Amino acid sequence: MREAGRSPFQEIAGGKTELTDLMARVDARLKAGDGTGGGSGMEARVARLEANVEHIQRDVSDLRQDSRELRNDMRDVRERLVRLEEKVSHLPGKGFITSALLATLAVVTGLIVFQSRIEAYVTGRPAPLPPVQTTP
């Protein structure tokens, strides 16, 4: 334990404490400009950093605006999709279209096959008999 009134730093030569000595060394380095984070050129570096921060802030602001616009665009897309689904919901499906096509094909085929009989029925004349094949 420490005694009351004593500094937590040990005194070094000349009656200075370690903290005082450390602060003096830091001040000397900052004033020297030896590239360790202080000294000459610091103002220019800080100005460059401030300019970069301004660019970053502007970019973030642009991103926020883009995000809002994208959100609005997505809302419009959802609304259009709902309207499109309403328009398409009453249209016939693939199964119905296939069935209708096959039924139409069957009717046309039947008309072609039974053409002569249908013609005879409509006109009231007897249907012509198919020709008899003779073997030579």
N, C-alpha and C. Protein backbone atom coordinates (compact mmCIF):
# COMPACT_ATOMS: atom_id res chain seq x y z
N MET A 1 0.82 -1.18 0.00
CA MET A 1 0.00 0.00 0.00
C MET A 1 0.86 1.24 0.00
N ARG A 2 0.24 2.31 -0.52
CA ARG A 2 0.96 3.58 -0.56
C ARG A 2 0.73 4.36 0.71
N GLU A 3 1.66 5.18 0.94
CA GLU A 3 1.49 6.08 2.06
C GLU A 3 0.69 7.27 1.58
N ALA A 4 -0.10 7.85 2.46
CA ALA A 4 -0.93 9.00 2.09
C ALA A 4 -0.04 10.16 1.68
N GLY A 5 -0.44 10.84 0.57
CA GLY A 5 0.29 12.01 0.12
C GLY A 5 1.43 11.71 -0.82
N ARG A 6 1.70 10.45 -1.07
CA ARG A 6 2.80 10.12 -1.98
C ARG A 6 2.26 9.89 -3.38
N SER A 7 3.01 10.26 -4.35
CA SER A 7 2.64 10.09 -5.75
C SER A 7 2.85 8.64 -6.15
N PRO A 8 2.01 8.11 -7.06
CA PRO A 8 2.20 6.73 -7.50
C PRO A 8 3.41 6.60 -8.42
N PHE A 9 4.02 7.72 -8.83
CA PHE A 9 5.19 7.69 -9.70
C PHE A 9 6.44 7.88 -8.86
N GLN A 10 7.44 7.14 -9.23
CA GLN A 10 8.70 7.24 -8.49
C GLN A 10 9.47 8.47 -8.94
N GLU A 11 10.16 9.03 -8.00
CA GLU A 11 10.99 10.17 -8.35
C GLU A 11 12.24 9.66 -9.05
N ILE A 12 12.66 10.41 -10.06
CA ILE A 12 13.88 10.06 -10.76
C ILE A 12 14.87 11.19 -10.57
N ALA A 13 16.02 11.06 -11.18
CA ALA A 13 17.09 12.04 -10.98
C ALA A 13 16.60 13.45 -11.26
N GLY A 14 17.00 14.38 -10.48
CA GLY A 14 16.64 15.78 -10.65
C GLY A 14 15.34 16.13 -9.96
N GLY A 15 14.74 15.21 -9.22
CA GLY A 15 13.52 15.50 -8.49
C GLY A 15 12.25 15.42 -9.33
N LYS A 16 12.35 14.94 -10.59
CA LYS A 16 11.16 14.81 -11.44
C LYS A 16 10.51 13.45 -11.21
N THR A 17 9.24 13.38 -11.47
CA THR A 17 8.57 12.08 -11.38
C THR A 17 8.57 11.44 -12.76
N GLU A 18 8.25 10.17 -12.82
CA GLU A 18 8.19 9.45 -14.10
C GLU A 18 7.17 10.10 -15.04
N LEU A 19 6.02 10.52 -14.51
CA LEU A 19 4.98 11.13 -15.34
C LEU A 19 5.47 12.43 -15.95
N THR A 20 6.13 13.24 -15.16
CA THR A 20 6.64 14.52 -15.67
C THR A 20 7.66 14.25 -16.76
N ASP A 21 8.52 13.28 -16.54
CA ASP A 21 9.53 12.93 -17.53
C ASP A 21 8.88 12.41 -18.82
N LEU A 22 7.87 11.58 -18.67
CA LEU A 22 7.16 11.03 -19.83
C LEU A 22 6.49 12.15 -20.62
N MET A 23 5.84 13.06 -19.95
CA MET A 23 5.18 14.18 -20.63
C MET A 23 6.19 15.05 -21.35
N ALA A 24 7.34 15.26 -20.76
CA ALA A 24 8.37 16.07 -21.40
C ALA A 24 8.88 15.38 -22.66
N ARG A 25 9.06 14.07 -22.62
CA ARG A 25 9.52 13.35 -23.80
C ARG A 25 8.47 13.37 -24.92
N VAL A 26 7.19 13.24 -24.55
CA VAL A 26 6.12 13.29 -25.56
C VAL A 26 6.08 14.66 -26.20
N ASP A 27 6.16 15.71 -25.39
CA ASP A 27 6.16 17.07 -25.94
C ASP A 27 7.34 17.28 -26.88
N ALA A 28 8.50 16.77 -26.50
CA ALA A 28 9.69 16.94 -27.34
C ALA A 28 9.51 16.23 -28.68
N ARG A 29 8.94 15.05 -28.67
CA ARG A 29 8.72 14.32 -29.92
C ARG A 29 7.70 15.03 -30.80
N LEU A 30 6.63 15.52 -30.20
CA LEU A 30 5.62 16.23 -30.98
C LEU A 30 6.19 17.47 -31.64
N LYS A 31 7.06 18.15 -30.94
CA LYS A 31 7.66 19.37 -31.49
C LYS A 31 8.74 19.04 -32.51
N ALA A 32 9.35 17.88 -32.41
CA ALA A 32 10.46 17.53 -33.29
C ALA A 32 9.99 17.19 -34.70
N GLY A 33 8.83 16.63 -34.87
CA GLY A 33 8.35 16.27 -36.20
C GLY A 33 9.13 15.13 -36.80
N ASP A 34 9.38 14.11 -36.04
CA ASP A 34 10.18 12.98 -36.52
C ASP A 34 9.33 11.88 -37.17
N GLY A 35 8.08 12.17 -37.50
CA GLY A 35 7.24 11.18 -38.19
C GLY A 35 6.56 10.20 -37.27
N THR A 36 6.56 10.47 -36.00
CA THR A 36 5.94 9.54 -35.07
C THR A 36 4.53 9.97 -34.70
N GLY A 37 3.93 10.82 -35.51
CA GLY A 37 2.55 11.20 -35.23
C GLY A 37 2.41 12.63 -34.80
N GLY A 38 3.44 13.37 -34.77
CA GLY A 38 3.32 14.76 -34.35
C GLY A 38 4.28 15.61 -35.13
N GLY A 39 4.40 16.84 -34.73
CA GLY A 39 5.39 17.73 -35.32
C GLY A 39 4.94 18.33 -36.62
N SER A 40 5.94 18.68 -37.44
CA SER A 40 5.65 19.38 -38.69
C SER A 40 4.83 18.51 -39.62
N GLY A 41 3.96 19.16 -40.36
CA GLY A 41 3.10 18.43 -41.29
C GLY A 41 1.84 17.89 -40.67
N MET A 42 1.70 18.02 -39.35
CA MET A 42 0.52 17.47 -38.69
C MET A 42 -0.73 18.21 -39.14
N GLU A 43 -0.64 19.52 -39.29
CA GLU A 43 -1.81 20.29 -39.69
C GLU A 43 -2.28 19.87 -41.09
N ALA A 44 -1.34 19.63 -41.98
CA ALA A 44 -1.70 19.20 -43.33
C ALA A 44 -2.35 17.83 -43.30
N ARG A 45 -1.81 16.95 -42.48
CA ARG A 45 -2.39 15.61 -42.38
C ARG A 45 -3.79 15.67 -41.78
N VAL A 46 -3.98 16.50 -40.77
CA VAL A 46 -5.30 16.65 -40.16
C VAL A 46 -6.28 17.22 -41.18
N ALA A 47 -5.83 18.21 -41.96
CA ALA A 47 -6.70 18.79 -42.99
C ALA A 47 -7.10 17.74 -44.02
N ARG A 48 -6.13 16.89 -44.41
CA ARG A 48 -6.44 15.81 -45.35
C ARG A 48 -7.46 14.84 -44.76
N LEU A 49 -7.28 14.50 -43.49
CA LEU A 49 -8.23 13.60 -42.82
C LEU A 49 -9.61 14.23 -42.75
N GLU A 50 -9.67 15.52 -42.43
CA GLU A 50 -10.95 16.20 -42.36
C GLU A 50 -11.64 16.21 -43.73
N ALA A 51 -10.86 16.42 -44.79
CA ALA A 51 -11.43 16.40 -46.14
C ALA A 51 -11.96 15.00 -46.46
N ASN A 52 -11.19 13.98 -46.07
CA ASN A 52 -11.65 12.61 -46.31
C ASN A 52 -12.93 12.32 -45.54
N VAL A 53 -13.01 12.81 -44.31
CA VAL A 53 -14.22 12.60 -43.52
C VAL A 53 -15.41 13.29 -44.18
N GLU A 54 -15.18 14.48 -44.74
CA GLU A 54 -16.26 15.17 -45.45
C GLU A 54 -16.73 14.34 -46.65
N HIS A 55 -15.78 13.74 -47.37
CA HIS A 55 -16.16 12.88 -48.50
C HIS A 55 -16.96 11.67 -48.01
N ILE A 56 -16.52 11.10 -46.92
CA ILE A 56 -17.22 9.93 -46.37
C ILE A 56 -18.63 10.33 -45.96
N GLN A 57 -18.77 11.47 -45.30
CA GLN A 57 -20.10 11.93 -44.89
C GLN A 57 -21.00 12.15 -46.11
N ARG A 58 -20.46 12.73 -47.16
CA ARG A 58 -21.24 12.96 -48.37
C ARG A 58 -21.65 11.63 -49.00
N ASP A 59 -20.71 10.67 -49.03
CA ASP A 59 -21.02 9.36 -49.59
C ASP A 59 -22.11 8.65 -48.79
N VAL A 60 -22.03 8.74 -47.47
CA VAL A 60 -23.05 8.12 -46.61
C VAL A 60 -24.40 8.78 -46.86
N SER A 61 -24.40 10.10 -47.01
CA SER A 61 -25.65 10.81 -47.29
C SER A 61 -26.23 10.35 -48.63
N ASP A 62 -25.36 10.20 -49.64
CA ASP A 62 -25.82 9.70 -50.94
C ASP A 62 -26.38 8.29 -50.83
N LEU A 63 -25.73 7.45 -50.03
CA LEU A 63 -26.21 6.08 -49.85
C LEU A 63 -27.58 6.07 -49.18
N ARG A 64 -27.78 6.96 -48.21
CA ARG A 64 -29.09 7.04 -47.56
C ARG A 64 -30.16 7.43 -48.57
N GLN A 65 -29.85 8.43 -49.39
CA GLN A 65 -30.81 8.87 -50.41
C GLN A 65 -31.10 7.75 -51.39
N ASP A 66 -30.06 7.04 -51.83
CA ASP A 66 -30.25 5.92 -52.75
C ASP A 66 -31.11 4.83 -52.11
N SER A 67 -30.89 4.60 -50.83
CA SER A 67 -31.67 3.59 -50.11
C SER A 67 -33.15 3.99 -50.07
N ARG A 68 -33.43 5.26 -49.82
CA ARG A 68 -34.82 5.73 -49.81
C ARG A 68 -35.45 5.54 -51.19
N GLU A 69 -34.71 5.92 -52.24
CA GLU A 69 -35.24 5.79 -53.59
C GLU A 69 -35.48 4.33 -53.94
N LEU A 70 -34.56 3.46 -53.54
CA LEU A 70 -34.72 2.03 -53.80
C LEU A 70 -35.94 1.49 -53.07
N ARG A 71 -36.15 1.93 -51.84
CA ARG A 71 -37.31 1.49 -51.07
C ARG A 71 -38.61 1.91 -51.79
N ASN A 72 -38.64 3.15 -52.29
CA ASN A 72 -39.82 3.62 -53.02
C ASN A 72 -40.02 2.83 -54.31
N ASP A 73 -38.92 2.55 -55.01
CA ASP A 73 -39.02 1.77 -56.25
C ASP A 73 -39.56 0.37 -55.97
N MET A 74 -39.10 -0.25 -54.89
CA MET A 74 -39.58 -1.59 -54.55
C MET A 74 -41.06 -1.55 -54.19
N ARG A 75 -41.51 -0.49 -53.53
CA ARG A 75 -42.92 -0.35 -53.21
C ARG A 75 -43.73 -0.28 -54.52
N ASP A 76 -43.24 0.48 -55.49
CA ASP A 76 -43.91 0.58 -56.79
C ASP A 76 -43.95 -0.78 -57.49
N VAL A 77 -42.86 -1.52 -57.42
CA VAL A 77 -42.80 -2.85 -58.06
C VAL A 77 -43.82 -3.78 -57.43
N ARG A 78 -43.94 -3.74 -56.10
CA ARG A 78 -44.92 -4.59 -55.42
C ARG A 78 -46.34 -4.24 -55.86
N GLU A 79 -46.63 -2.94 -55.94
CA GLU A 79 -47.97 -2.52 -56.36
C GLU A 79 -48.26 -2.97 -57.79
N ARG A 80 -47.29 -2.84 -58.67
CA ARG A 80 -47.48 -3.28 -60.06
C ARG A 80 -47.67 -4.78 -60.14
N LEU A 81 -46.94 -5.52 -59.32
CA LEU A 81 -47.06 -6.98 -59.32
C LEU A 81 -48.46 -7.39 -58.88
N VAL A 82 -49.01 -6.72 -57.88
CA VAL A 82 -50.36 -7.04 -57.43
C VAL A 82 -51.36 -6.77 -58.55
N ARG A 83 -51.22 -5.63 -59.23
CA ARG A 83 -52.13 -5.32 -60.34
C ARG A 83 -52.00 -6.34 -61.46
N LEU A 84 -50.77 -6.76 -61.75
CA LEU A 84 -50.56 -7.75 -62.80
C LEU A 84 -51.18 -9.09 -62.43
N GLU A 85 -51.04 -9.50 -61.17
CA GLU A 85 -51.65 -10.75 -60.73
C GLU A 85 -53.17 -10.70 -60.86
N GLU A 86 -53.76 -9.53 -60.56
CA GLU A 86 -55.21 -9.39 -60.71
C GLU A 86 -55.62 -9.53 -62.17
N LYS A 87 -54.83 -8.97 -63.08
CA LYS A 87 -55.16 -9.04 -64.50
C LYS A 87 -55.00 -10.45 -65.06
N VAL A 88 -54.06 -11.20 -64.54
CA VAL A 88 -53.74 -12.52 -65.08
C VAL A 88 -54.60 -13.61 -64.44
N SER A 89 -55.16 -13.35 -63.27
CA SER A 89 -55.86 -14.41 -62.53
C SER A 89 -57.06 -14.97 -63.29
N HIS A 90 -57.72 -14.20 -64.14
CA HIS A 90 -58.90 -14.69 -64.84
C HIS A 90 -58.56 -15.39 -66.16
N LEU A 91 -57.33 -15.36 -66.58
CA LEU A 91 -56.94 -16.00 -67.84
C LEU A 91 -56.96 -17.52 -67.69
N PRO A 92 -57.25 -18.26 -68.79
CA PRO A 92 -57.29 -19.72 -68.70
C PRO A 92 -55.89 -20.31 -68.45
N GLY A 93 -55.90 -21.45 -67.80
CA GLY A 93 -54.64 -22.12 -67.49
C GLY A 93 -54.19 -23.04 -68.62
N LYS A 94 -53.04 -23.66 -68.43
CA LYS A 94 -52.49 -24.56 -69.45
C LYS A 94 -53.38 -25.77 -69.67
N GLY A 95 -53.93 -26.31 -68.61
CA GLY A 95 -54.78 -27.49 -68.73
C GLY A 95 -56.00 -27.22 -69.58
N PHE A 96 -56.64 -26.07 -69.35
CA PHE A 96 -57.83 -25.72 -70.14
C PHE A 96 -57.47 -25.53 -71.61
N ILE A 97 -56.39 -24.84 -71.87
CA ILE A 97 -55.97 -24.59 -73.25
C ILE A 97 -55.65 -25.91 -73.96
N THR A 98 -54.95 -26.82 -73.28
CA THR A 98 -54.61 -28.12 -73.87
C THR A 98 -55.87 -28.92 -74.16
N SER A 99 -56.80 -28.94 -73.22
CA SER A 99 -58.05 -29.68 -73.42
C SER A 99 -58.84 -29.12 -74.60
N ALA A 100 -58.94 -27.80 -74.68
CA ALA A 100 -59.68 -27.17 -75.78
C ALA A 100 -59.02 -27.48 -77.12
N LEU A 101 -57.71 -27.45 -77.16
CA LEU A 101 -56.99 -27.74 -78.40
C LEU A 101 -57.20 -29.19 -78.84
N LEU A 102 -57.12 -30.12 -77.90
CA LEU A 102 -57.32 -31.54 -78.24
C LEU A 102 -58.76 -31.80 -78.68
N ALA A 103 -59.72 -31.15 -78.04
CA ALA A 103 -61.12 -31.33 -78.44
C ALA A 103 -61.34 -30.79 -79.85
N THR A 104 -60.78 -29.63 -80.15
CA THR A 104 -60.90 -29.05 -81.49
C THR A 104 -60.26 -29.96 -82.53
N LEU A 105 -59.11 -30.50 -82.22
CA LEU A 105 -58.42 -31.41 -83.14
C LEU A 105 -59.26 -32.67 -83.38
N ALA A 106 -59.89 -33.19 -82.34
CA ALA A 106 -60.73 -34.38 -82.49
C ALA A 106 -61.94 -34.09 -83.38
N VAL A 107 -62.55 -32.92 -83.21
CA VAL A 107 -63.72 -32.56 -84.02
C VAL A 107 -63.31 -32.40 -85.49
N VAL A 108 -62.21 -31.72 -85.75
CA VAL A 108 -61.75 -31.53 -87.13
C VAL A 108 -61.41 -32.87 -87.77
N THR A 109 -60.75 -33.74 -87.04
CA THR A 109 -60.42 -35.07 -87.56
C THR A 109 -61.69 -35.85 -87.88
N GLY A 110 -62.67 -35.78 -86.99
CA GLY A 110 -63.95 -36.47 -87.23
C GLY A 110 -64.65 -35.93 -88.45
N LEU A 111 -64.63 -34.63 -88.66
CA LEU A 111 -65.25 -34.04 -89.85
C LEU A 111 -64.57 -34.53 -91.12
N ILE A 112 -63.27 -34.63 -91.09
CA ILE A 112 -62.53 -35.08 -92.28
C ILE A 112 -62.83 -36.55 -92.55
N VAL A 113 -62.81 -37.37 -91.53
CA VAL A 113 -63.01 -38.82 -91.71
C VAL A 113 -64.44 -39.10 -92.18
N PHE A 114 -65.41 -38.44 -91.60
CA PHE A 114 -66.81 -38.73 -91.92
C PHE A 114 -67.40 -37.70 -92.89
N GLN A 115 -66.59 -37.07 -93.69
CA GLN A 115 -67.03 -36.02 -94.60
C GLN A 115 -68.10 -36.51 -95.58
N SER A 116 -67.87 -37.65 -96.20
CA SER A 116 -68.82 -38.15 -97.20
C SER A 116 -70.16 -38.49 -96.55
N ARG A 117 -70.17 -39.06 -95.40
CA ARG A 117 -71.41 -39.42 -94.71
C ARG A 117 -72.17 -38.17 -94.26
N ILE A 118 -71.43 -37.20 -93.81
CA ILE A 118 -72.07 -35.95 -93.38
C ILE A 118 -72.69 -35.26 -94.59
N GLU A 119 -71.98 -35.28 -95.71
CA GLU A 119 -72.48 -34.66 -96.94
C GLU A 119 -73.75 -35.36 -97.41
N ALA A 120 -73.78 -36.67 -97.35
CA ALA A 120 -74.96 -37.43 -97.77
C ALA A 120 -76.13 -37.14 -96.84
N TYR A 121 -75.88 -37.02 -95.59
CA TYR A 121 -76.94 -36.75 -94.62
C TYR A 121 -77.54 -35.36 -94.86
N VAL A 122 -76.68 -34.39 -95.12
CA VAL A 122 -77.15 -33.02 -95.31
C VAL A 122 -77.92 -32.89 -96.63
N THR A 123 -77.44 -33.51 -97.69
CA THR A 123 -78.09 -33.38 -99.00
C THR A 123 -79.23 -34.37 -99.19
N GLY A 124 -79.31 -35.38 -98.43
CA GLY A 124 -80.37 -36.37 -98.54
C GLY A 124 -80.06 -37.46 -99.54
N ARG A 125 -78.91 -37.48 -100.15
CA ARG A 125 -78.51 -38.54 -101.08
C ARG A 125 -77.77 -39.62 -100.30
N PRO A 126 -77.84 -40.84 -100.83
CA PRO A 126 -77.09 -41.90 -100.15
C PRO A 126 -75.59 -41.70 -100.32
N ALA A 127 -74.87 -42.10 -99.32
CA ALA A 127 -73.41 -41.96 -99.34
C ALA A 127 -72.84 -42.89 -100.39
N PRO A 128 -71.86 -42.41 -101.14
CA PRO A 128 -71.24 -43.29 -102.14
C PRO A 128 -70.49 -44.42 -101.45
N LEU A 129 -70.53 -45.57 -102.09
CA LEU A 129 -69.83 -46.72 -101.53
C LEU A 129 -68.36 -46.63 -101.90
N PRO A 130 -67.55 -47.13 -101.06
CA PRO A 130 -66.13 -47.11 -101.40
C PRO A 130 -65.87 -48.05 -102.56
N PRO A 131 -64.89 -47.74 -103.40
CA PRO A 131 -64.60 -48.60 -104.55
C PRO A 131 -64.12 -49.97 -104.10
N VAL A 132 -64.51 -50.96 -104.84
CA VAL A 132 -64.13 -52.33 -104.54
C VAL A 132 -62.80 -52.60 -105.21
N GLN A 133 -61.92 -53.18 -104.47
CA GLN A 133 -60.60 -53.47 -105.03
C GLN A 133 -60.61 -54.90 -105.56
N THR A 134 -60.14 -55.04 -106.73
CA THR A 134 -60.02 -56.37 -107.32
C THR A 134 -58.56 -56.72 -107.40
N THR A 135 -58.31 -57.96 -107.25
CA THR A 135 -56.93 -58.42 -107.32
C THR A 135 -56.62 -58.84 -108.74
N PRO A 136 -55.61 -58.46 -109.37
CA PRO A 136 -55.29 -58.85 -110.76
C PRO A 136 -54.78 -60.24 -110.90
